[in-house]
Amino acid sequence: MPASSLRNLSRQWVDRLVTYRRHRNLEHLEALVEESVRYAGLHLENDLSRSDYWSKAPLARRVAVLLFLVDRGIVTRGVRQGRRVFVPTPNAEDWVLSQDALIPYRTHTLELVAALRNEQSRRTRRSRP
């Protein structure tokens, strides 16, 4: 992703990811976006392919929305069993529904949150003995 695209993506970050936006060295920002691309492209692909919207949307849009939710604290980045995971908070859907600015994007954002929850559910089932 070109540096100008990374900077444009990060302009929306005002909370938890603001330090990535202010970084002088782009390596950390590039790494964050790369891990988000892998997650949104690989782990969420099956769930999002069922959506009329997400099946046609570019991967960059998935990443932008995912990182927006991370920035707002609605999705947390973590590591489980040595792998990066993105986990929605228990009140993620309520938060999305309460945001007037998200009204035009509400359904699509809720679909992304549902895909994250489905991925976590699959991961939990696989890790059980």
N, C-alpha and C. Protein backbone atom coordinates (compact mmCIF):
# COMPACT_ATOMS: atom_id res chain seq x y z
N MET A 1 0.86 -1.17 0.00
CA MET A 1 0.00 0.00 0.00
C MET A 1 0.90 1.23 0.00
N PRO A 2 0.65 2.17 -0.88
CA PRO A 2 1.48 3.38 -0.93
C PRO A 2 1.37 4.20 0.37
N ALA A 3 2.42 4.92 0.67
CA ALA A 3 2.46 5.74 1.90
C ALA A 3 1.30 6.72 1.94
N SER A 4 0.94 7.30 0.81
CA SER A 4 -0.18 8.26 0.81
C SER A 4 -1.49 7.57 1.17
N SER A 5 -1.69 6.34 0.73
CA SER A 5 -2.89 5.59 1.09
C SER A 5 -2.91 5.27 2.58
N LEU A 6 -1.75 4.91 3.12
CA LEU A 6 -1.66 4.63 4.55
C LEU A 6 -2.00 5.86 5.36
N ARG A 7 -1.48 6.99 4.95
CA ARG A 7 -1.76 8.23 5.68
C ARG A 7 -3.24 8.61 5.57
N ASN A 8 -3.84 8.42 4.40
CA ASN A 8 -5.27 8.69 4.25
C ASN A 8 -6.09 7.79 5.14
N LEU A 9 -5.74 6.52 5.19
CA LEU A 9 -6.44 5.56 6.04
C LEU A 9 -6.38 5.99 7.50
N SER A 10 -5.22 6.42 7.93
CA SER A 10 -5.01 6.73 9.35
C SER A 10 -5.60 8.08 9.76
N ARG A 11 -6.05 8.89 8.85
CA ARG A 11 -6.63 10.20 9.21
C ARG A 11 -7.88 10.08 10.07
N GLN A 12 -8.58 8.96 9.97
CA GLN A 12 -9.81 8.75 10.73
C GLN A 12 -9.53 8.30 12.17
N TRP A 13 -8.29 8.00 12.48
CA TRP A 13 -7.95 7.47 13.80
C TRP A 13 -7.73 8.61 14.78
N VAL A 14 -8.53 8.61 15.83
CA VAL A 14 -8.46 9.69 16.82
C VAL A 14 -8.33 9.17 18.24
N ASP A 15 -8.29 7.85 18.41
CA ASP A 15 -8.28 7.28 19.75
C ASP A 15 -7.12 6.30 19.91
N ARG A 16 -7.40 5.02 19.94
CA ARG A 16 -6.39 4.01 20.26
C ARG A 16 -5.29 3.87 19.22
N LEU A 17 -5.54 4.23 17.99
CA LEU A 17 -4.54 4.07 16.94
C LEU A 17 -3.86 5.38 16.55
N VAL A 18 -4.14 6.44 17.28
CA VAL A 18 -3.59 7.75 16.92
C VAL A 18 -2.05 7.75 16.92
N THR A 19 -1.44 6.94 17.76
CA THR A 19 0.03 6.90 17.78
C THR A 19 0.58 6.37 16.46
N TYR A 20 -0.13 5.48 15.81
CA TYR A 20 0.31 4.99 14.49
C TYR A 20 0.25 6.11 13.46
N ARG A 21 -0.75 6.96 13.57
CA ARG A 21 -0.89 8.08 12.63
C ARG A 21 0.24 9.08 12.80
N ARG A 22 0.69 9.26 14.01
CA ARG A 22 1.72 10.27 14.30
C ARG A 22 3.15 9.76 14.15
N HIS A 23 3.28 8.47 13.93
CA HIS A 23 4.61 7.87 13.80
C HIS A 23 5.37 8.48 12.63
N ARG A 24 6.63 8.80 12.83
CA ARG A 24 7.45 9.32 11.74
C ARG A 24 7.87 8.19 10.79
N ASN A 25 8.09 7.04 11.36
CA ASN A 25 8.51 5.88 10.58
C ASN A 25 7.27 5.07 10.20
N LEU A 26 7.11 4.82 8.93
CA LEU A 26 5.91 4.13 8.46
C LEU A 26 5.91 2.63 8.72
N GLU A 27 7.01 2.06 9.19
CA GLU A 27 7.08 0.60 9.37
C GLU A 27 5.99 0.06 10.29
N HIS A 28 5.74 0.75 11.40
CA HIS A 28 4.72 0.26 12.33
C HIS A 28 3.32 0.36 11.73
N LEU A 29 3.05 1.44 11.05
CA LEU A 29 1.76 1.60 10.38
C LEU A 29 1.60 0.53 9.30
N GLU A 30 2.64 0.30 8.53
CA GLU A 30 2.59 -0.73 7.49
C GLU A 30 2.33 -2.11 8.09
N ALA A 31 2.97 -2.41 9.20
CA ALA A 31 2.79 -3.71 9.86
C ALA A 31 1.36 -3.87 10.37
N LEU A 32 0.81 -2.82 10.96
CA LEU A 32 -0.57 -2.85 11.44
C LEU A 32 -1.53 -3.12 10.28
N VAL A 33 -1.35 -2.41 9.20
CA VAL A 33 -2.23 -2.58 8.04
C VAL A 33 -2.05 -3.97 7.44
N GLU A 34 -0.83 -4.45 7.36
CA GLU A 34 -0.57 -5.78 6.80
C GLU A 34 -1.24 -6.88 7.62
N GLU A 35 -1.16 -6.80 8.94
CA GLU A 35 -1.82 -7.83 9.76
C GLU A 35 -3.33 -7.72 9.63
N SER A 36 -3.84 -6.53 9.44
CA SER A 36 -5.28 -6.33 9.25
C SER A 36 -5.73 -6.86 7.89
N VAL A 37 -4.90 -6.67 6.88
CA VAL A 37 -5.20 -7.20 5.54
C VAL A 37 -5.26 -8.72 5.59
N ARG A 38 -4.27 -9.33 6.23
CA ARG A 38 -4.27 -10.79 6.33
C ARG A 38 -5.51 -11.29 7.04
N TYR A 39 -5.86 -10.64 8.14
CA TYR A 39 -7.01 -11.10 8.93
C TYR A 39 -8.31 -10.90 8.15
N ALA A 40 -8.51 -9.70 7.62
CA ALA A 40 -9.76 -9.41 6.90
C ALA A 40 -9.85 -10.22 5.62
N GLY A 41 -8.72 -10.50 5.00
CA GLY A 41 -8.72 -11.23 3.74
C GLY A 41 -8.82 -12.72 3.90
N LEU A 42 -8.21 -13.27 4.92
CA LEU A 42 -8.19 -14.72 5.10
C LEU A 42 -9.26 -15.20 6.08
N HIS A 43 -9.25 -14.67 7.26
CA HIS A 43 -10.11 -15.18 8.32
C HIS A 43 -11.58 -14.79 8.16
N LEU A 44 -11.82 -13.64 7.56
CA LEU A 44 -13.21 -13.17 7.45
C LEU A 44 -13.82 -13.43 6.07
N GLU A 45 -13.02 -13.93 5.15
CA GLU A 45 -13.45 -14.08 3.76
C GLU A 45 -14.75 -14.88 3.61
N ASN A 46 -14.82 -16.05 4.21
CA ASN A 46 -16.02 -16.88 4.03
C ASN A 46 -17.27 -16.21 4.56
N ASP A 47 -17.18 -15.63 5.74
CA ASP A 47 -18.36 -14.97 6.32
C ASP A 47 -18.79 -13.77 5.49
N LEU A 48 -17.83 -12.96 5.08
CA LEU A 48 -18.16 -11.73 4.35
C LEU A 48 -18.55 -11.99 2.90
N SER A 49 -18.16 -13.13 2.36
CA SER A 49 -18.53 -13.44 0.97
C SER A 49 -20.04 -13.67 0.84
N ARG A 50 -20.71 -13.94 1.94
CA ARG A 50 -22.17 -14.13 1.93
C ARG A 50 -22.95 -12.81 1.91
N SER A 51 -22.25 -11.73 2.14
CA SER A 51 -22.87 -10.41 2.18
C SER A 51 -22.89 -9.79 0.78
N ASP A 52 -24.04 -9.24 0.38
CA ASP A 52 -24.12 -8.56 -0.91
C ASP A 52 -23.12 -7.41 -0.98
N TYR A 53 -22.96 -6.71 0.12
CA TYR A 53 -22.06 -5.56 0.15
C TYR A 53 -20.59 -5.99 0.21
N TRP A 54 -20.24 -6.77 1.22
CA TRP A 54 -18.82 -7.11 1.44
C TRP A 54 -18.25 -8.02 0.36
N SER A 55 -19.09 -8.80 -0.28
CA SER A 55 -18.57 -9.68 -1.34
C SER A 55 -18.07 -8.88 -2.54
N LYS A 56 -18.56 -7.65 -2.68
CA LYS A 56 -18.15 -6.79 -3.80
C LYS A 56 -17.19 -5.68 -3.38
N ALA A 57 -17.11 -5.42 -2.09
CA ALA A 57 -16.27 -4.32 -1.60
C ALA A 57 -14.79 -4.71 -1.67
N PRO A 58 -13.94 -3.76 -1.95
CA PRO A 58 -12.51 -4.07 -1.97
C PRO A 58 -11.99 -4.40 -0.57
N LEU A 59 -10.95 -5.19 -0.54
CA LEU A 59 -10.33 -5.58 0.73
C LEU A 59 -9.92 -4.35 1.54
N ALA A 60 -9.47 -3.32 0.86
CA ALA A 60 -9.06 -2.09 1.56
C ALA A 60 -10.20 -1.51 2.40
N ARG A 61 -11.43 -1.66 1.94
CA ARG A 61 -12.57 -1.14 2.71
C ARG A 61 -12.78 -1.96 3.98
N ARG A 62 -12.63 -3.28 3.88
CA ARG A 62 -12.73 -4.13 5.07
C ARG A 62 -11.70 -3.70 6.10
N VAL A 63 -10.49 -3.49 5.62
CA VAL A 63 -9.39 -3.09 6.51
C VAL A 63 -9.68 -1.74 7.15
N ALA A 64 -10.16 -0.81 6.36
CA ALA A 64 -10.46 0.53 6.89
C ALA A 64 -11.51 0.47 7.99
N VAL A 65 -12.58 -0.29 7.77
CA VAL A 65 -13.64 -0.40 8.78
C VAL A 65 -13.13 -1.15 10.00
N LEU A 66 -12.40 -2.23 9.78
CA LEU A 66 -11.84 -2.99 10.90
C LEU A 66 -10.96 -2.10 11.78
N LEU A 67 -10.07 -1.34 11.15
CA LEU A 67 -9.17 -0.49 11.94
C LEU A 67 -9.91 0.70 12.56
N PHE A 68 -10.95 1.19 11.93
CA PHE A 68 -11.79 2.22 12.54
C PHE A 68 -12.38 1.69 13.85
N LEU A 69 -12.89 0.46 13.81
CA LEU A 69 -13.47 -0.14 15.02
C LEU A 69 -12.42 -0.41 16.09
N VAL A 70 -11.22 -0.77 15.66
CA VAL A 70 -10.12 -0.95 16.62
C VAL A 70 -9.79 0.39 17.26
N ASP A 71 -9.70 1.42 16.45
CA ASP A 71 -9.37 2.75 16.97
C ASP A 71 -10.39 3.21 18.01
N ARG A 72 -11.65 2.92 17.78
CA ARG A 72 -12.69 3.34 18.71
C ARG A 72 -12.84 2.42 19.91
N GLY A 73 -12.07 1.32 19.94
CA GLY A 73 -12.12 0.42 21.09
C GLY A 73 -13.27 -0.57 21.03
N ILE A 74 -13.90 -0.70 19.90
CA ILE A 74 -15.04 -1.60 19.73
C ILE A 74 -14.55 -2.99 19.35
N VAL A 75 -13.39 -3.05 18.75
CA VAL A 75 -12.71 -4.30 18.43
C VAL A 75 -11.32 -4.19 19.03
N THR A 76 -10.89 -5.25 19.70
CA THR A 76 -9.55 -5.24 20.29
C THR A 76 -8.62 -6.14 19.49
N ARG A 77 -7.38 -5.72 19.38
CA ARG A 77 -6.34 -6.53 18.75
C ARG A 77 -5.65 -7.30 19.84
N GLY A 78 -5.46 -8.56 19.61
CA GLY A 78 -4.78 -9.38 20.59
C GLY A 78 -4.05 -10.52 19.92
N VAL A 79 -3.44 -11.35 20.75
CA VAL A 79 -2.74 -12.53 20.25
C VAL A 79 -3.28 -13.71 21.04
N ARG A 80 -3.71 -14.74 20.32
CA ARG A 80 -4.16 -15.98 20.94
C ARG A 80 -3.47 -17.13 20.23
N GLN A 81 -2.88 -17.99 21.02
CA GLN A 81 -2.16 -19.14 20.49
C GLN A 81 -1.15 -18.72 19.42
N GLY A 82 -0.48 -17.61 19.69
CA GLY A 82 0.56 -17.12 18.79
C GLY A 82 0.06 -16.46 17.52
N ARG A 83 -1.24 -16.24 17.41
CA ARG A 83 -1.80 -15.63 16.21
C ARG A 83 -2.52 -14.33 16.55
N ARG A 84 -2.44 -13.39 15.63
CA ARG A 84 -3.14 -12.12 15.79
C ARG A 84 -4.64 -12.37 15.65
N VAL A 85 -5.42 -11.77 16.54
CA VAL A 85 -6.87 -11.86 16.47
C VAL A 85 -7.48 -10.48 16.66
N PHE A 86 -8.65 -10.31 16.13
CA PHE A 86 -9.44 -9.09 16.29
C PHE A 86 -10.76 -9.52 16.90
N VAL A 87 -11.03 -9.02 18.10
CA VAL A 87 -12.18 -9.50 18.87
C VAL A 87 -13.12 -8.33 19.19
N PRO A 88 -14.38 -8.44 18.78
CA PRO A 88 -15.34 -7.39 19.13
C PRO A 88 -15.65 -7.40 20.63
N THR A 89 -15.85 -6.24 21.18
CA THR A 89 -16.22 -6.14 22.59
C THR A 89 -17.65 -6.67 22.75
N PRO A 90 -18.04 -7.01 23.97
CA PRO A 90 -19.40 -7.53 24.18
C PRO A 90 -20.50 -6.57 23.73
N ASN A 91 -20.23 -5.28 23.77
CA ASN A 91 -21.27 -4.30 23.40
C ASN A 91 -21.06 -3.70 22.01
N ALA A 92 -20.31 -4.37 21.16
CA ALA A 92 -19.98 -3.81 19.84
C ALA A 92 -21.22 -3.46 19.02
N GLU A 93 -22.17 -4.36 18.97
CA GLU A 93 -23.38 -4.10 18.18
C GLU A 93 -24.16 -2.91 18.73
N ASP A 94 -24.26 -2.82 20.04
CA ASP A 94 -24.97 -1.69 20.65
C ASP A 94 -24.27 -0.37 20.32
N TRP A 95 -22.94 -0.38 20.34
CA TRP A 95 -22.19 0.83 20.01
C TRP A 95 -22.47 1.23 18.57
N VAL A 96 -22.40 0.29 17.65
CA VAL A 96 -22.66 0.60 16.24
C VAL A 96 -24.05 1.20 16.09
N LEU A 97 -25.03 0.58 16.73
CA LEU A 97 -26.41 1.07 16.62
C LEU A 97 -26.60 2.46 17.24
N SER A 98 -25.76 2.82 18.18
CA SER A 98 -25.89 4.11 18.86
C SER A 98 -25.20 5.27 18.14
N GLN A 99 -24.45 4.98 17.09
CA GLN A 99 -23.69 6.00 16.39
C GLN A 99 -24.47 6.57 15.21
N ASP A 100 -24.94 7.80 15.36
CA ASP A 100 -25.71 8.42 14.28
C ASP A 100 -24.89 8.55 13.00
N ALA A 101 -23.60 8.81 13.12
CA ALA A 101 -22.75 8.96 11.93
C ALA A 101 -22.65 7.67 11.13
N LEU A 102 -22.93 6.54 11.77
CA LEU A 102 -22.84 5.25 11.08
C LEU A 102 -24.16 4.78 10.48
N ILE A 103 -25.20 5.57 10.57
CA ILE A 103 -26.51 5.14 10.07
C ILE A 103 -26.42 4.64 8.62
N PRO A 104 -25.76 5.35 7.70
CA PRO A 104 -25.71 4.83 6.33
C PRO A 104 -24.90 3.53 6.19
N TYR A 105 -24.05 3.26 7.16
CA TYR A 105 -23.14 2.10 7.10
C TYR A 105 -23.46 1.05 8.15
N ARG A 106 -24.54 1.25 8.85
CA ARG A 106 -24.87 0.41 10.01
C ARG A 106 -24.93 -1.08 9.66
N THR A 107 -25.68 -1.43 8.66
CA THR A 107 -25.85 -2.84 8.30
C THR A 107 -24.51 -3.47 7.95
N HIS A 108 -23.71 -2.77 7.16
CA HIS A 108 -22.42 -3.31 6.73
C HIS A 108 -21.45 -3.45 7.90
N THR A 109 -21.49 -2.49 8.80
CA THR A 109 -20.62 -2.56 9.97
C THR A 109 -21.04 -3.71 10.88
N LEU A 110 -22.33 -3.89 11.05
CA LEU A 110 -22.82 -5.00 11.86
C LEU A 110 -22.46 -6.35 11.22
N GLU A 111 -22.47 -6.42 9.90
CA GLU A 111 -22.05 -7.65 9.22
C GLU A 111 -20.58 -7.95 9.49
N LEU A 112 -19.76 -6.92 9.51
CA LEU A 112 -18.34 -7.12 9.81
C LEU A 112 -18.15 -7.60 11.25
N VAL A 113 -18.87 -7.00 12.17
CA VAL A 113 -18.80 -7.43 13.58
C VAL A 113 -19.26 -8.88 13.71
N ALA A 114 -20.33 -9.24 13.01
CA ALA A 114 -20.82 -10.63 13.04
C ALA A 114 -19.77 -11.59 12.49
N ALA A 115 -19.09 -11.19 11.43
CA ALA A 115 -18.03 -12.04 10.87
C ALA A 115 -16.90 -12.22 11.88
N LEU A 116 -16.55 -11.16 12.59
CA LEU A 116 -15.52 -11.26 13.64
C LEU A 116 -15.97 -12.23 14.73
N ARG A 117 -17.22 -12.13 15.13
CA ARG A 117 -17.73 -13.04 16.16
C ARG A 117 -17.72 -14.49 15.66
N ASN A 118 -18.12 -14.70 14.43
CA ASN A 118 -18.11 -16.05 13.86
C ASN A 118 -16.68 -16.62 13.82
N GLU A 119 -15.73 -15.79 13.45
CA GLU A 119 -14.33 -16.24 13.43
C GLU A 119 -13.87 -16.63 14.83
N GLN A 120 -14.23 -15.84 15.82
CA GLN A 120 -13.84 -16.16 17.19
C GLN A 120 -14.50 -17.45 17.67
N SER A 121 -15.74 -17.65 17.28
CA SER A 121 -16.44 -18.86 17.65
C SER A 121 -15.77 -20.09 17.03
N ARG A 122 -15.41 -19.99 15.76
CA ARG A 122 -14.69 -21.11 15.11
C ARG A 122 -13.35 -21.37 15.78
N ARG A 123 -12.65 -20.31 16.09
CA ARG A 123 -11.33 -20.44 16.73
C ARG A 123 -11.46 -21.11 18.10
N THR A 124 -12.50 -20.77 18.85
CA THR A 124 -12.73 -21.35 20.16
C THR A 124 -13.06 -22.84 20.04
N ARG A 125 -13.90 -23.18 19.08
CA ARG A 125 -14.25 -24.59 18.87
C ARG A 125 -13.03 -25.42 18.48
N ARG A 126 -12.15 -24.88 17.65
CA ARG A 126 -10.96 -25.60 17.21
C ARG A 126 -9.97 -25.80 18.34
N SER A 127 -9.95 -24.88 19.29
CA SER A 127 -8.95 -24.97 20.37
C SER A 127 -9.38 -25.87 21.52
N ARG A 128 -10.65 -26.28 21.52
CA ARG A 128 -11.13 -27.17 22.58
C ARG A 128 -10.65 -28.60 22.32
N PRO A 129 -10.31 -29.33 23.41
CA PRO A 129 -9.85 -30.71 23.23
C PRO A 129 -10.95 -31.66 22.82
